[in-house]
């Protein structure tokens, strides 16, 4: 089975497990109309179209370290999807985003378009994000793996959520700053993206398999640089317009003033006059589509996107090298290297 077939098959399995878990959760929730809507909305939100990368990586981490109870790890991987829902719900609330995965953001599900319902929507988004995290803990605790492995996995998941929270704090702390360094951005990308996109899922799956120290070390050494490269490539796409939001017409990253390697390299490459203009317009509410076109043209003229791709390539190579000589399952090792290399093809 090639990687594409494997991921497609596991995606289908994971989604069936999400449906089953949410049906069970609805059946054991209190008989209350608003609670019932909460569980229904959370199920619908979690089941919206997604690649299920994090849950599949958790399954891969398990198999890579010798795990063989695939049915059980698929059920346990629902925890990753619920953590993802929690983070997206809270992120949309902080950003004031109205859409997520082709549908209304969670606070809009409850609040709707009527501004007078905004308070209800915000409150329910906060509550349901917390509920999703609680459900994720329950999934691992009741997964049926040996108790010591469950405890280790729950601890790792808790640390993953904590570190992602630190990433959000770092994101807020550098917002709008003009003195952001490469080290600032690297640290932000590790905590905000790499930890819960690659590092956490692989480690949790590995712990449920009873991984040895050498196996954990190899997976961690792979996951950190590959997770950062994921965000680097995402930022390249976002700089030129997120294709999921409308391609070049999407100017959200530049309008929000998002601090990325793309922006840092542009500011370090252009003239003093151009630098003044970019600093003035990025993050400004007065930013227009014409300004964005000019900034994107400047970036292309200085080859800034190539600089970011080179950064990502170095990290992908570092991640792949970390798996060499490890005693991980050969097929999973090959899949992980392929996933890392495929990242570079996205931009």
Protein backbone atom coordinates (compact mmCIF):
# COMPACT_ATOMS: atom_id res chain seq x y z
CA UNK A 1 0.00 0.00 0.00
CA UNK A 2 1.43 3.39 -0.92
CA UNK A 3 1.25 6.44 1.36
CA UNK A 4 -1.75 7.99 -0.37
CA UNK A 5 -3.77 4.77 -0.08
CA UNK A 6 -2.73 4.34 3.54
CA UNK A 7 -3.77 7.87 4.53
CA UNK A 8 -7.06 7.64 2.64
CA UNK A 9 -7.94 4.35 4.34
CA UNK A 10 -6.96 5.59 7.81
CA UNK A 11 -8.90 8.83 7.30
CA UNK A 12 -12.05 6.81 6.66
CA UNK A 13 -11.43 4.63 9.73
CA UNK A 14 -10.81 7.66 11.97
CA UNK A 15 -13.97 9.40 10.80
CA UNK A 16 -16.06 6.33 11.60
CA UNK A 17 -14.50 6.29 15.07
CA UNK A 18 -15.34 10.00 15.56
CA UNK A 19 -18.95 9.33 14.61
CA UNK A 20 -19.16 6.39 17.01
CA UNK A 21 -17.59 8.30 19.89
CA UNK A 22 -19.79 11.38 19.45
CA UNK A 23 -22.92 9.20 19.26
CA UNK A 24 -21.85 7.59 22.54
CA UNK A 25 -21.16 10.99 24.07
CA UNK A 26 -24.58 12.27 23.04
CA UNK A 27 -26.23 9.23 24.63
CA UNK A 28 -24.56 9.78 28.00
CA UNK A 29 -24.94 13.57 28.15
CA UNK A 30 -27.64 15.17 30.35
CA UNK A 31 -31.11 15.51 28.86
CA UNK A 32 -30.98 19.23 28.11
CA UNK A 33 -31.68 21.00 24.81
CA UNK A 34 -28.64 23.29 24.89
CA UNK A 35 -26.29 20.48 25.92
CA UNK A 36 -27.73 18.34 23.13
CA UNK A 37 -27.03 21.12 20.62
CA UNK A 38 -23.50 21.44 21.98
CA UNK A 39 -22.70 17.79 21.37
CA UNK A 40 -24.36 17.83 17.94
CA UNK A 41 -22.51 21.00 16.88
CA UNK A 42 -19.22 19.64 18.22
CA UNK A 43 -19.72 16.41 16.28
CA UNK A 44 -20.55 18.29 13.07
CA UNK A 45 -17.61 20.67 13.54
CA UNK A 46 -15.14 17.85 14.19
CA UNK A 47 -16.38 15.81 11.21
CA UNK A 48 -16.02 18.62 8.67
CA UNK A 49 -13.70 17.84 5.78
CA UNK A 50 -10.11 17.44 6.96
CA UNK A 51 -7.07 15.36 6.03
CA UNK A 52 -6.92 13.95 9.61
CA UNK A 53 -3.13 14.34 9.53
CA UNK A 54 -2.71 14.47 13.32
CA UNK A 55 -4.74 11.36 14.08
CA UNK A 56 -3.03 9.46 11.26
CA UNK A 57 0.39 10.50 12.58
CA UNK A 58 -0.65 9.17 15.98
CA UNK A 59 -1.53 5.84 14.35
CA UNK A 60 1.78 5.87 12.47
CA UNK A 61 3.75 6.58 15.66
CA UNK A 62 2.05 3.57 17.24
CA UNK A 63 2.76 1.19 14.36
CA UNK A 64 6.29 2.56 13.93
CA UNK A 65 7.11 1.46 17.48
CA UNK A 66 5.73 -2.03 17.13
CA UNK A 67 2.06 -1.49 17.99
CA UNK A 68 -0.25 -4.07 16.43
CA UNK A 69 -3.75 -3.36 17.84
CA UNK A 70 -4.72 -1.09 14.97
CA UNK A 71 -8.43 -1.02 15.82
CA UNK A 72 -7.67 0.25 19.32
CA UNK A 73 -5.23 2.94 18.20
CA UNK A 74 -7.75 4.19 15.65
CA UNK A 75 -10.27 4.66 18.45
CA UNK A 76 -7.64 6.36 20.60
CA UNK A 77 -6.66 8.70 17.74
CA UNK A 78 -10.05 10.43 18.02
CA UNK A 79 -8.38 12.33 20.87
CA UNK A 80 -6.23 14.19 18.32
CA UNK A 81 -9.29 15.31 16.36
CA UNK A 82 -11.00 16.58 19.50
CA UNK A 83 -7.87 18.50 20.54
CA UNK A 84 -7.78 19.97 17.03
CA UNK A 85 -11.42 21.03 17.38
CA UNK A 86 -10.70 22.70 20.71
CA UNK A 87 -7.77 24.65 19.30
CA UNK A 88 -9.66 25.72 16.17
CA UNK A 89 -12.74 26.79 18.14
CA UNK A 90 -10.66 28.95 20.48
CA UNK A 91 -8.44 30.26 17.67
CA UNK A 92 -11.46 31.40 15.63
CA UNK A 93 -12.87 33.08 18.70
CA UNK A 94 -9.63 35.00 19.32
CA UNK A 95 -9.30 35.98 15.66
CA UNK A 96 -12.97 36.80 15.15
CA UNK A 97 -13.08 34.41 12.18
CA UNK A 98 -16.51 33.67 10.73
CA UNK A 99 -15.70 30.52 8.74
CA UNK A 100 -13.84 27.27 9.36
CA UNK A 101 -13.51 24.22 7.11
CA UNK A 102 -16.24 25.34 4.75
CA UNK A 103 -18.80 26.18 7.45
CA UNK A 104 -19.50 28.73 10.18
CA UNK A 105 -16.94 28.99 12.96
CA UNK A 106 -18.21 27.53 16.23
CA UNK A 107 -19.18 30.83 17.84
CA UNK A 108 -21.20 31.58 14.70
CA UNK A 109 -23.02 28.23 14.95
CA UNK A 110 -24.54 29.42 18.22
CA UNK A 111 -24.49 33.16 17.70
CA UNK A 112 -25.52 33.24 14.04
CA UNK A 113 -25.43 36.46 12.02
CA UNK A 114 -27.44 38.42 14.62
CA UNK A 115 -24.97 40.62 16.57
CA UNK A 116 -27.24 40.47 19.62
CA UNK A 117 -26.43 36.75 19.91
CA UNK A 118 -22.67 37.33 19.95
CA UNK A 119 -22.36 36.85 23.67
CA UNK A 120 -24.03 33.43 23.53
CA UNK A 121 -21.81 32.38 20.62
CA UNK A 122 -18.61 33.43 22.39
CA UNK A 123 -19.61 31.76 25.63
CA UNK A 124 -20.58 28.49 23.94
CA UNK A 125 -17.34 28.48 21.92
CA UNK A 126 -15.28 28.77 25.10
CA UNK A 127 -17.29 26.09 26.85
CA UNK A 128 -17.32 23.66 23.94
CA UNK A 129 -13.60 24.06 23.34
CA UNK A 130 -13.10 22.99 26.95
CA UNK A 131 -15.58 20.14 26.50
CA UNK A 132 -13.66 18.91 23.44
CA UNK A 133 -10.43 18.78 25.45
CA UNK A 134 -12.18 16.91 28.26
CA UNK A 135 -13.57 14.39 25.76
CA UNK A 136 -10.07 13.93 24.29
CA UNK A 137 -8.74 13.00 27.74
CA UNK A 138 -11.62 10.57 28.16
CA UNK A 139 -10.81 8.91 24.82
CA UNK A 140 -7.25 8.13 25.94
CA UNK A 141 -8.21 7.16 29.49
CA UNK A 142 -10.78 4.65 28.24
CA UNK A 143 -8.79 3.39 25.26
CA UNK A 144 -8.06 0.02 26.86
CA UNK A 145 -4.29 0.18 26.54
CA UNK A 146 -2.24 -0.87 29.60
CA UNK A 147 -2.71 1.71 32.41
CA UNK A 148 0.93 2.85 32.45
CA UNK A 149 0.84 3.53 28.73
CA UNK A 150 -2.45 5.42 29.05
CA UNK A 151 -1.05 7.59 31.83
CA UNK A 152 2.06 8.36 29.76
CA UNK A 153 -0.08 9.20 26.73
CA UNK A 154 -2.45 11.46 28.70
CA UNK A 155 0.56 13.25 30.21
CA UNK A 156 2.06 13.75 26.75
CA UNK A 157 -1.25 15.07 25.43
CA UNK A 158 -1.53 17.49 28.36
CA UNK A 159 2.01 18.74 27.69
CA UNK A 160 1.16 19.12 24.00
CA UNK A 161 -1.84 21.32 24.80
CA UNK A 162 0.20 23.30 27.32
CA UNK A 163 3.03 23.94 24.84
CA UNK A 164 0.56 24.94 22.13
CA UNK A 165 -0.88 27.43 24.62
CA UNK A 166 2.62 28.80 25.12
CA UNK A 167 2.78 29.17 21.35
CA UNK A 168 -0.39 31.25 21.37
CA UNK A 169 1.14 33.46 24.07
CA UNK A 170 4.27 33.91 21.93
CA UNK A 171 2.08 34.75 18.93
CA UNK A 172 0.28 37.46 20.87
CA UNK A 173 3.54 38.79 22.33
CA UNK A 174 5.20 39.42 18.95
CA UNK A 175 2.10 40.70 17.17
CA UNK A 176 2.86 44.04 15.52
CA UNK A 177 6.47 44.14 16.77
CA UNK A 178 9.06 45.45 14.33
CA UNK A 179 12.05 43.89 16.09
CA UNK A 180 11.13 40.22 15.61
CA UNK A 181 14.14 37.94 15.06
CA UNK A 182 14.60 34.60 13.31
CA UNK A 183 14.86 32.98 16.74
CA UNK A 184 11.51 34.50 17.75
CA UNK A 185 9.79 33.08 14.68
CA UNK A 186 11.43 29.66 14.97
CA UNK A 187 10.38 29.37 18.61
CA UNK A 188 6.84 30.49 17.78
CA UNK A 189 6.52 27.98 14.94
CA UNK A 190 7.78 25.15 17.10
CA UNK A 191 5.39 25.80 19.98
CA UNK A 192 2.33 26.92 18.05
CA UNK A 193 2.46 24.44 15.15
CA UNK A 194 5.11 21.71 15.35
CA UNK A 195 4.17 20.50 18.83
CA UNK A 196 0.54 19.65 18.11
CA UNK A 197 0.82 18.95 14.39
CA UNK A 198 3.70 16.43 14.38
CA UNK A 199 5.57 16.06 17.70
CA UNK A 200 2.61 15.35 19.99
CA UNK A 201 0.67 12.94 17.76
CA UNK A 202 3.73 10.80 16.98
CA UNK A 203 4.85 10.70 20.62
CA UNK A 204 1.39 9.82 21.98
CA UNK A 205 1.01 6.96 19.50
CA UNK A 206 4.51 5.73 20.29
CA UNK A 207 3.86 5.78 24.05
CA UNK A 208 0.70 3.72 23.61
CA UNK A 209 2.83 1.15 21.78
CA UNK A 210 5.30 1.03 24.67
CA UNK A 211 8.09 2.65 22.64
CA UNK A 212 11.71 2.35 23.68
CA UNK A 213 13.81 5.44 24.44
CA UNK A 214 15.71 5.20 21.18
CA UNK A 215 12.48 5.07 19.19
CA UNK A 216 11.06 8.10 21.01
CA UNK A 217 14.30 9.99 20.47
CA UNK A 218 14.24 9.29 16.72
CA UNK A 219 10.60 10.33 16.36
CA UNK A 220 11.14 13.52 18.38
CA UNK A 221 14.22 14.42 16.31
CA UNK A 222 12.17 13.92 13.13
CA UNK A 223 9.05 15.70 14.34
CA UNK A 224 10.45 19.05 15.52
CA UNK A 225 12.13 20.21 12.28
CA UNK A 226 9.43 18.72 10.06
CA UNK A 227 6.72 20.41 12.14
CA UNK A 228 8.45 23.78 11.75
CA UNK A 229 8.86 23.21 8.01
CA UNK A 230 5.11 22.58 7.82
CA UNK A 231 4.49 26.08 9.18
CA UNK A 232 7.16 27.65 6.96
CA UNK A 233 5.45 26.29 3.84
CA UNK A 234 2.05 27.28 5.21
CA UNK A 235 3.34 30.83 5.63
CA UNK A 236 4.58 30.93 2.03
CA UNK A 237 1.10 29.94 0.86
CA UNK A 238 -0.51 32.44 3.22
CA UNK A 239 1.76 35.27 2.08
CA UNK A 240 0.60 34.84 -1.51
CA UNK A 241 -2.99 34.02 -0.54
CA UNK A 242 -4.31 30.87 1.09
CA UNK A 243 -5.74 28.71 -1.72
CA UNK A 244 -8.41 27.44 0.68
CA UNK A 245 -9.67 30.99 1.21
CA UNK A 246 -9.53 32.23 -2.35
CA UNK A 247 -5.90 32.26 -3.43
CA UNK A 248 -4.31 35.63 -4.27
CA UNK A 249 -7.49 37.50 -3.28
CA UNK A 250 -6.94 36.38 0.33
CA UNK A 251 -4.88 39.01 2.13
CA UNK A 252 -5.50 37.92 5.72
CA UNK A 253 -1.89 37.09 6.68
CA UNK A 254 -0.59 40.47 5.55
CA UNK A 255 -3.57 42.37 6.92
CA UNK A 256 -3.13 40.69 10.30
CA UNK A 257 0.58 41.60 10.28
CA UNK A 258 1.60 37.96 10.72
CA UNK A 259 5.32 37.71 11.51
CA UNK A 260 6.91 35.04 9.30
CA UNK A 261 10.26 34.18 7.74
CA UNK A 262 8.80 35.48 4.47
CA UNK A 263 8.24 38.92 5.94
CA UNK A 264 11.52 38.92 7.85
CA UNK A 265 13.52 38.00 4.73
CA UNK A 266 11.72 40.65 2.69
CA UNK A 267 12.51 43.35 5.22
CA UNK A 268 16.12 42.22 5.29
CA UNK A 269 16.44 42.25 1.49
CA UNK A 270 14.69 45.41 0.30
CA UNK A 271 15.81 49.04 0.23
CA UNK A 272 15.29 51.40 3.13
CA UNK A 273 12.41 53.11 1.32
CA UNK A 274 10.76 49.78 0.50
CA UNK A 275 11.30 48.57 4.07
CA UNK A 276 9.57 51.66 5.45
CA UNK A 277 6.61 51.07 3.13
CA UNK A 278 6.30 47.35 4.00
CA UNK A 279 6.56 48.06 7.74
CA UNK A 280 3.90 50.75 7.46
CA UNK A 281 1.40 48.71 5.47
CA UNK A 282 1.70 45.14 6.84
CA UNK A 283 -0.75 44.86 9.71
CA UNK A 284 -2.42 48.16 8.86
CA UNK A 285 -6.22 48.35 8.63
CA UNK A 286 -5.64 50.62 5.61
CA UNK A 287 -3.91 47.84 3.65
CA UNK A 288 -5.50 47.54 0.20
CA UNK A 289 -5.33 44.84 -2.45
CA UNK A 290 -3.06 47.14 -4.47
CA UNK A 291 -0.68 47.39 -1.51
CA UNK A 292 -0.71 43.62 -1.20
CA UNK A 293 0.08 43.19 -4.89
CA UNK A 294 3.03 45.58 -4.54
CA UNK A 295 4.37 43.76 -1.45
CA UNK A 296 4.01 40.37 -3.14
CA UNK A 297 5.79 41.68 -6.24
CA UNK A 298 8.64 42.94 -4.05
CA UNK A 299 8.88 39.53 -2.35
CA UNK A 300 9.10 37.74 -5.69
CA UNK A 301 11.70 40.17 -7.01
CA UNK A 302 13.96 39.42 -4.05
CA UNK A 303 13.35 35.67 -4.15
CA UNK A 304 11.97 35.62 -0.63
CA UNK A 305 9.75 32.58 -1.20
CA UNK A 306 12.81 30.62 -2.36
CA UNK A 307 14.57 31.54 0.90
CA UNK A 308 11.69 30.09 2.90
CA UNK A 309 11.54 26.94 0.78
CA UNK A 310 15.28 26.49 1.33
CA UNK A 311 14.74 26.81 5.09
CA UNK A 312 12.00 24.21 4.94
CA UNK A 313 14.14 21.89 2.81
CA UNK A 314 17.01 21.96 5.31
CA UNK A 315 14.61 21.06 8.12
CA UNK A 316 12.98 18.26 6.14
CA UNK A 317 16.41 16.78 5.41
CA UNK A 318 17.31 17.04 9.09
CA UNK A 319 14.09 15.26 10.05
CA UNK A 320 14.65 12.48 7.53
CA UNK A 321 18.23 11.98 8.70
CA UNK A 322 16.99 11.52 12.27
CA UNK A 323 15.13 8.36 11.22
CA UNK A 324 18.16 6.74 9.59
CA UNK A 325 19.46 3.84 11.62
CA UNK A 326 16.45 3.85 13.96
CA UNK A 327 14.67 0.59 14.78
CA UNK A 328 11.27 1.90 13.71
CA UNK A 329 8.95 -0.09 11.47
CA UNK A 330 10.48 0.23 7.95
CA UNK A 331 7.18 0.95 6.21
CA UNK A 332 6.20 3.68 8.68
CA UNK A 333 9.70 5.13 8.47
CA UNK A 334 9.32 5.36 4.69
CA UNK A 335 5.89 6.96 5.02
CA UNK A 336 7.21 9.59 7.45
CA UNK A 337 10.06 10.53 5.13
CA UNK A 338 7.60 10.76 2.23
CA UNK A 339 5.26 13.01 4.25
CA UNK A 340 8.15 15.34 5.03
CA UNK A 341 9.25 15.51 1.39
CA UNK A 342 5.68 16.05 0.19
CA UNK A 343 5.52 19.18 2.35
CA UNK A 344 8.00 20.86 0.04
CA UNK A 345 5.74 20.21 -2.96
CA UNK A 346 2.92 22.29 -1.44
CA UNK A 347 4.57 25.61 -2.29
